[in-house]
Amino acid sequence: MATRDPLSGHLDHLDESQTAALAQFRSELVAESLIPADTAAYAEKIGYDRYDDQALLRFLRARKFDLPKAKIMWAANEKWRADFGADEIAENGFDYPEQSEVDKYYPQYYHKIDREGRPIYIEQLGKLDIPKLYALTTQERQLKHLVSEYEKFFKYRLPACTKETGKLVETSCTILDLYNAGISSFYRVKDYVSAASTIGQNYYPETMGHMFIVNAPYLFSTVWSLIKPWLDEATVRKIHILGKGYKTELIKYIPEENLPADLGGTCHCKGGCSLSDAGPWNPQDQA
């Protein structure tokens, strides 16, 4: 039995039917004005090509190359971007002066790369303090900042990682740290997490390479065992549930020197790893 290519459906790993589906998808999107006539001018405006083959393939993979479903997803994405102002954020950025204070109560940040060259994204839910967080910012501003980070992910981070590694990098490596996080932590932030998950799944699909959930309490592992059968095999392979002794497994995927010290690594960025934005996309000596 032939081994399935793990990169099937990605650029340079398309079979004949996938290649045909991509061509038809683009043709139908152009015909229905769901892609602008002058994509080059649009790319110059926002700083990256949002209509290249990689982008279209992400939506096709998300719907298992079902063209009608992928087209519905794409159309919904275009409407959301117009309503939310995502293109304006991509072009002009989002001013988030409260970030350094917000970081104290809900750290969410990109930091260096894993062994495959993917940008590492870290969330530390155990540090969450909702009253202090929402004295500084609002959920709406958090979500705009999230979208700004997604846009920078495509505009700066992935191209820099691709250049650094010499191979196409299309996904991230996520670490969700649950140290000191109880069920109440999830409940308090459920509205934000739900909205953020919707944005990620529906409008920035197929961007997760691996996810490591570290310091997971026993109860979380039990919940995961119930959820796991409902997920497709490809998604399950990407998610790793690790307890307190996670470091041995984690450094198989992430160099120790790229892992922040408070997660068991040896990185001590000047001013703190969570605010350094260290990585190939930000070339300066911050370690």
Protein backbone atom coordinates (compact mmCIF):
# COMPACT_ATOMS: atom_id res chain seq x y z
CA MET A 1 0.00 0.00 0.00
CA ALA A 2 1.44 3.36 -1.04
CA THR A 3 2.30 5.81 1.74
CA ARG A 4 0.24 8.99 1.59
CA ASP A 5 2.29 12.13 1.06
CA PRO A 6 1.89 14.18 4.30
CA LEU A 7 2.16 17.33 2.17
CA SER A 8 -0.57 16.24 -0.23
CA GLY A 9 -2.62 19.26 -1.23
CA HIS A 10 0.25 21.68 -0.69
CA LEU A 11 2.12 23.56 -3.40
CA ASP A 12 4.47 21.26 -5.35
CA HIS A 13 2.69 18.22 -3.86
CA LEU A 14 -0.49 18.26 -5.94
CA ASP A 15 -1.82 15.29 -7.84
CA GLU A 16 -3.64 15.73 -11.15
CA SER A 17 -7.09 16.10 -9.60
CA GLN A 18 -5.84 18.66 -7.06
CA THR A 19 -4.07 20.65 -9.77
CA ALA A 20 -7.28 20.71 -11.80
CA ALA A 21 -9.31 21.70 -8.74
CA LEU A 22 -6.97 24.62 -8.01
CA ALA A 23 -7.27 25.90 -11.59
CA GLN A 24 -11.06 25.58 -11.54
CA PHE A 25 -11.30 27.22 -8.11
CA ARG A 26 -9.34 30.25 -9.28
CA SER A 27 -11.34 30.46 -12.50
CA GLU A 28 -14.66 30.42 -10.64
CA LEU A 29 -13.51 32.97 -8.06
CA VAL A 30 -12.39 35.34 -10.82
CA ALA A 31 -15.65 34.82 -12.74
CA GLU A 32 -17.69 35.67 -9.63
CA SER A 33 -15.50 38.69 -8.75
CA LEU A 34 -14.30 37.03 -5.55
CA ILE A 35 -10.73 37.78 -6.62
CA PRO A 36 -9.79 41.28 -7.85
CA ALA A 37 -8.82 41.66 -11.48
CA ASP A 38 -5.48 43.24 -10.58
CA THR A 39 -4.04 41.03 -7.84
CA ALA A 40 -0.55 42.55 -8.23
CA ALA A 41 -1.78 46.03 -7.32
CA TYR A 42 -3.72 44.61 -4.40
CA ALA A 43 -0.67 42.70 -3.14
CA GLU A 44 1.43 45.85 -3.33
CA LYS A 45 -1.19 47.70 -1.31
CA ILE A 46 -1.37 45.29 1.65
CA GLY A 47 2.17 43.95 1.42
CA TYR A 48 1.63 40.33 0.37
CA ASP A 49 -0.27 38.30 -2.22
CA ARG A 50 -3.47 37.13 -0.55
CA TYR A 51 -4.64 35.52 -3.78
CA ASP A 52 -1.66 33.32 -4.65
CA ASP A 53 -1.90 29.55 -5.07
CA GLN A 54 -0.82 28.93 -1.47
CA ALA A 55 -3.77 30.97 -0.20
CA LEU A 56 -6.30 29.24 -2.43
CA LEU A 57 -4.93 25.83 -1.48
CA ARG A 58 -5.41 26.55 2.23
CA PHE A 59 -9.14 26.99 1.64
CA LEU A 60 -9.30 23.95 -0.63
CA ARG A 61 -7.54 21.76 1.96
CA ALA A 62 -9.82 23.08 4.69
CA ARG A 63 -12.78 21.74 2.71
CA LYS A 64 -11.02 18.61 1.46
CA PHE A 65 -10.96 19.95 -2.12
CA ASP A 66 -14.77 20.14 -2.26
CA LEU A 67 -15.06 23.11 -4.64
CA PRO A 68 -18.58 24.31 -3.74
CA LYS A 69 -17.76 24.21 -0.01
CA ALA A 70 -14.40 25.89 -0.53
CA LYS A 71 -16.06 28.65 -2.57
CA ILE A 72 -18.64 29.26 0.18
CA MET A 73 -15.80 29.47 2.70
CA TRP A 74 -13.85 31.87 0.50
CA ALA A 75 -16.87 34.13 -0.08
CA ALA A 76 -17.54 34.26 3.67
CA ASN A 77 -13.90 35.17 4.23
CA GLU A 78 -14.09 38.07 1.76
CA LYS A 79 -17.22 39.41 3.45
CA TRP A 80 -15.67 39.10 6.90
CA ARG A 81 -12.51 40.92 5.80
CA ALA A 82 -14.58 43.80 4.48
CA ASP A 83 -16.76 43.97 7.61
CA PHE A 84 -13.89 43.59 10.09
CA GLY A 85 -11.46 45.85 8.26
CA ALA A 86 -8.81 43.15 7.89
CA ASP A 87 -7.33 44.65 4.72
CA GLU A 88 -6.99 48.03 6.40
CA ILE A 89 -5.20 46.34 9.31
CA ALA A 90 -2.95 44.50 6.85
CA GLU A 91 -2.08 47.75 5.08
CA ASN A 92 -1.73 50.10 8.05
CA GLY A 93 -1.20 47.83 11.05
CA PHE A 94 -3.05 48.13 14.36
CA ASP A 95 -1.92 50.48 17.11
CA TYR A 96 -1.90 48.48 20.37
CA PRO A 97 -0.05 50.64 22.92
CA GLU A 98 -1.38 48.61 25.84
CA GLN A 99 0.41 45.45 24.67
CA SER A 100 3.25 45.55 27.22
CA GLU A 101 0.73 45.77 30.08
CA VAL A 102 -1.69 43.24 28.56
CA ASP A 103 1.24 40.84 28.31
CA LYS A 104 1.42 40.65 32.11
CA TYR A 105 -2.10 39.22 32.36
CA TYR A 106 -2.47 37.15 29.17
CA PRO A 107 0.81 36.52 27.30
CA GLN A 108 0.24 35.74 23.60
CA TYR A 109 3.25 36.06 21.34
CA TYR A 110 5.44 34.76 18.52
CA HIS A 111 8.97 33.75 19.45
CA LYS A 112 11.65 32.25 17.17
CA ILE A 113 11.23 29.01 15.18
CA ASP A 114 10.92 25.26 15.69
CA ARG A 115 13.18 22.62 14.13
CA GLU A 116 11.13 22.69 10.91
CA GLY A 117 11.53 26.46 10.62
CA ARG A 118 7.97 27.29 11.68
CA PRO A 119 7.23 30.44 13.72
CA ILE A 120 6.46 29.49 17.33
CA TYR A 121 3.29 30.96 18.80
CA ILE A 122 2.86 30.86 22.59
CA GLU A 123 -0.13 31.45 24.86
CA GLN A 124 0.13 31.22 28.66
CA LEU A 125 -3.41 30.83 29.92
CA GLY A 126 -2.32 30.26 33.53
CA LYS A 127 -1.26 33.91 33.82
CA LEU A 128 -4.72 35.12 32.85
CA ASP A 129 -6.20 37.82 35.10
CA ILE A 130 -9.48 38.96 33.54
CA PRO A 131 -10.25 41.97 35.80
CA LYS A 132 -6.78 43.44 35.25
CA LEU A 133 -6.78 42.50 31.56
CA TYR A 134 -10.07 44.23 30.77
CA ALA A 135 -9.11 47.27 32.80
CA LEU A 136 -6.43 47.74 30.13
CA THR A 137 -8.13 46.67 26.91
CA THR A 138 -11.32 45.23 25.42
CA GLN A 139 -12.17 41.99 23.67
CA GLU A 140 -12.71 43.93 20.43
CA ARG A 141 -9.20 45.38 20.61
CA GLN A 142 -7.77 41.96 21.47
CA LEU A 143 -9.36 40.51 18.35
CA LYS A 144 -8.06 43.35 16.17
CA HIS A 145 -4.60 42.71 17.57
CA LEU A 146 -5.04 38.99 16.83
CA VAL A 147 -5.92 39.77 13.20
CA SER A 148 -2.95 42.11 12.98
CA GLU A 149 -0.71 39.25 14.12
CA TYR A 150 -2.25 36.89 11.54
CA GLU A 151 -1.61 39.46 8.82
CA LYS A 152 2.00 39.88 9.94
CA PHE A 153 2.25 36.07 9.98
CA PHE A 154 1.64 36.01 6.21
CA LYS A 155 3.28 39.33 5.40
CA TYR A 156 6.53 38.95 7.34
CA ARG A 157 6.91 35.78 9.39
CA LEU A 158 6.30 33.05 6.83
CA PRO A 159 8.41 34.70 4.07
CA ALA A 160 11.28 35.25 6.54
CA CYS A 161 11.09 31.65 7.77
CA THR A 162 10.99 30.36 4.19
CA LYS A 163 14.11 32.40 3.38
CA GLU A 164 15.85 31.28 6.58
CA THR A 165 15.23 27.56 6.02
CA GLY A 166 15.44 27.46 2.24
CA LYS A 167 12.11 25.62 2.02
CA LEU A 168 8.48 26.68 1.92
CA VAL A 169 7.11 27.33 5.42
CA GLU A 170 3.32 27.65 5.59
CA THR A 171 2.36 26.86 9.19
CA SER A 172 3.14 27.68 12.81
CA CYS A 173 4.05 25.70 15.91
CA THR A 174 1.77 26.57 18.84
CA ILE A 175 2.48 26.12 22.55
CA LEU A 176 -0.49 26.47 24.90
CA ASP A 177 0.82 26.59 28.47
CA LEU A 178 -1.78 25.58 31.06
CA TYR A 179 0.44 25.99 34.13
CA ASN A 180 -1.81 27.11 37.01
CA ALA A 181 -4.79 27.22 34.64
CA GLY A 182 -7.97 25.74 36.06
CA ILE A 183 -11.39 25.20 34.52
CA SER A 184 -12.30 28.70 35.71
CA SER A 185 -9.55 30.13 33.50
CA PHE A 186 -11.17 28.60 30.41
CA TYR A 187 -14.61 29.80 31.47
CA ARG A 188 -13.49 33.39 32.09
CA VAL A 189 -11.94 33.70 28.63
CA LYS A 190 -14.39 31.49 26.72
CA ASP A 191 -15.99 34.33 24.73
CA TYR A 192 -12.64 35.59 23.49
CA VAL A 193 -11.35 32.08 22.78
CA SER A 194 -14.54 31.24 20.87
CA ALA A 195 -14.28 34.39 18.74
CA ALA A 196 -10.53 33.90 18.18
CA SER A 197 -11.06 30.25 17.21
CA THR A 198 -13.73 31.24 14.70
CA ILE A 199 -11.38 33.77 13.11
CA GLY A 200 -8.55 31.25 12.94
CA GLN A 201 -10.57 28.34 11.58
CA ASN A 202 -12.76 30.22 9.13
CA TYR A 203 -10.55 33.04 7.86
CA TYR A 204 -6.97 31.85 8.36
CA PRO A 205 -7.37 28.09 7.86
CA GLU A 206 -4.66 25.45 7.61
CA THR A 207 -2.01 27.44 9.47
CA MET A 208 -1.30 25.03 12.34
CA GLY A 209 1.69 22.72 11.91
CA HIS A 210 1.87 21.41 15.48
CA MET A 211 0.19 22.32 18.76
CA PHE A 212 1.68 21.41 22.13
CA ILE A 213 -0.57 21.73 25.16
CA VAL A 214 1.87 21.70 28.08
CA ASN A 215 1.31 21.49 31.83
CA ALA A 216 -2.05 19.94 30.99
CA PRO A 217 -3.95 18.90 34.15
CA TYR A 218 -5.32 15.37 34.44
CA LEU A 219 -8.87 16.55 33.79
CA PHE A 220 -7.83 18.12 30.50
CA SER A 221 -6.36 14.80 29.35
CA THR A 222 -9.67 13.11 30.16
CA VAL A 223 -11.61 15.69 28.14
CA TRP A 224 -9.16 15.27 25.25
CA SER A 225 -9.74 11.50 25.19
CA LEU A 226 -13.45 12.21 24.61
CA ILE A 227 -12.86 14.85 21.92
CA LYS A 228 -10.14 12.99 20.02
CA PRO A 229 -12.40 10.42 18.27
CA TRP A 230 -14.37 13.27 16.66
CA LEU A 231 -11.33 14.82 15.01
CA ASP A 232 -9.83 13.74 11.71
CA GLU A 233 -6.55 11.85 11.79
CA ALA A 234 -4.52 14.70 10.32
CA THR A 235 -5.64 17.10 13.07
CA VAL A 236 -5.01 14.57 15.85
CA ARG A 237 -1.45 14.06 14.60
CA LYS A 238 -0.78 17.79 15.02
CA ILE A 239 -1.93 18.05 18.66
CA HIS A 240 0.28 16.83 21.50
CA ILE A 241 -1.10 16.79 25.07
CA LEU A 242 1.78 16.93 27.54
CA GLY A 243 1.83 17.14 31.34
CA LYS A 244 4.39 18.77 33.60
CA GLY A 245 7.24 16.65 32.28
CA TYR A 246 6.84 18.03 28.78
CA LYS A 247 10.34 19.32 28.10
CA THR A 248 11.91 16.07 26.84
CA GLU A 249 9.21 15.72 24.19
CA LEU A 250 9.00 19.42 23.36
CA ILE A 251 12.69 19.86 22.57
CA LYS A 252 12.40 17.11 19.96
CA TYR A 253 10.50 19.72 17.97
CA ILE A 254 11.91 23.00 19.29
CA PRO A 255 15.60 23.79 19.92
CA GLU A 256 16.15 24.47 23.61
CA GLU A 257 17.79 27.79 22.80
CA ASN A 258 14.61 28.92 21.02
CA LEU A 259 12.38 28.06 23.97
CA PRO A 260 11.77 30.80 26.58
CA ALA A 261 13.31 30.09 29.97
CA ASP A 262 9.93 30.07 31.73
CA LEU A 263 8.94 27.17 29.48
CA GLY A 264 12.09 25.21 30.29
CA GLY A 265 14.34 26.57 27.55
CA THR A 266 17.50 28.61 27.66
CA CYS A 267 16.33 31.76 25.87
CA HIS A 268 16.45 35.02 27.84
CA CYS A 269 15.48 37.77 25.40
CA LYS A 270 16.34 41.30 26.43
CA GLY A 271 13.18 42.81 27.89
CA GLY A 272 11.52 39.38 28.04
CA CYS A 273 10.77 36.79 25.38
CA SER A 274 7.06 37.61 25.28
CA LEU A 275 7.70 41.17 24.06
CA SER A 276 10.80 40.57 21.92
CA ASP A 277 9.14 39.34 18.71
CA ALA A 278 12.42 37.51 18.15
CA GLY A 279 12.72 35.50 14.96
CA PRO A 280 13.98 35.62 11.36
CA TRP A 281 11.27 38.20 10.61
CA ASN A 282 12.85 40.58 13.13
CA PRO A 283 16.61 40.22 12.52
CA GLN A 284 18.35 41.58 15.58
CA ASP A 285 20.24 40.09 18.48
CA GLN A 286 17.58 39.73 21.14
CA ALA A 287 18.66 36.55 22.89
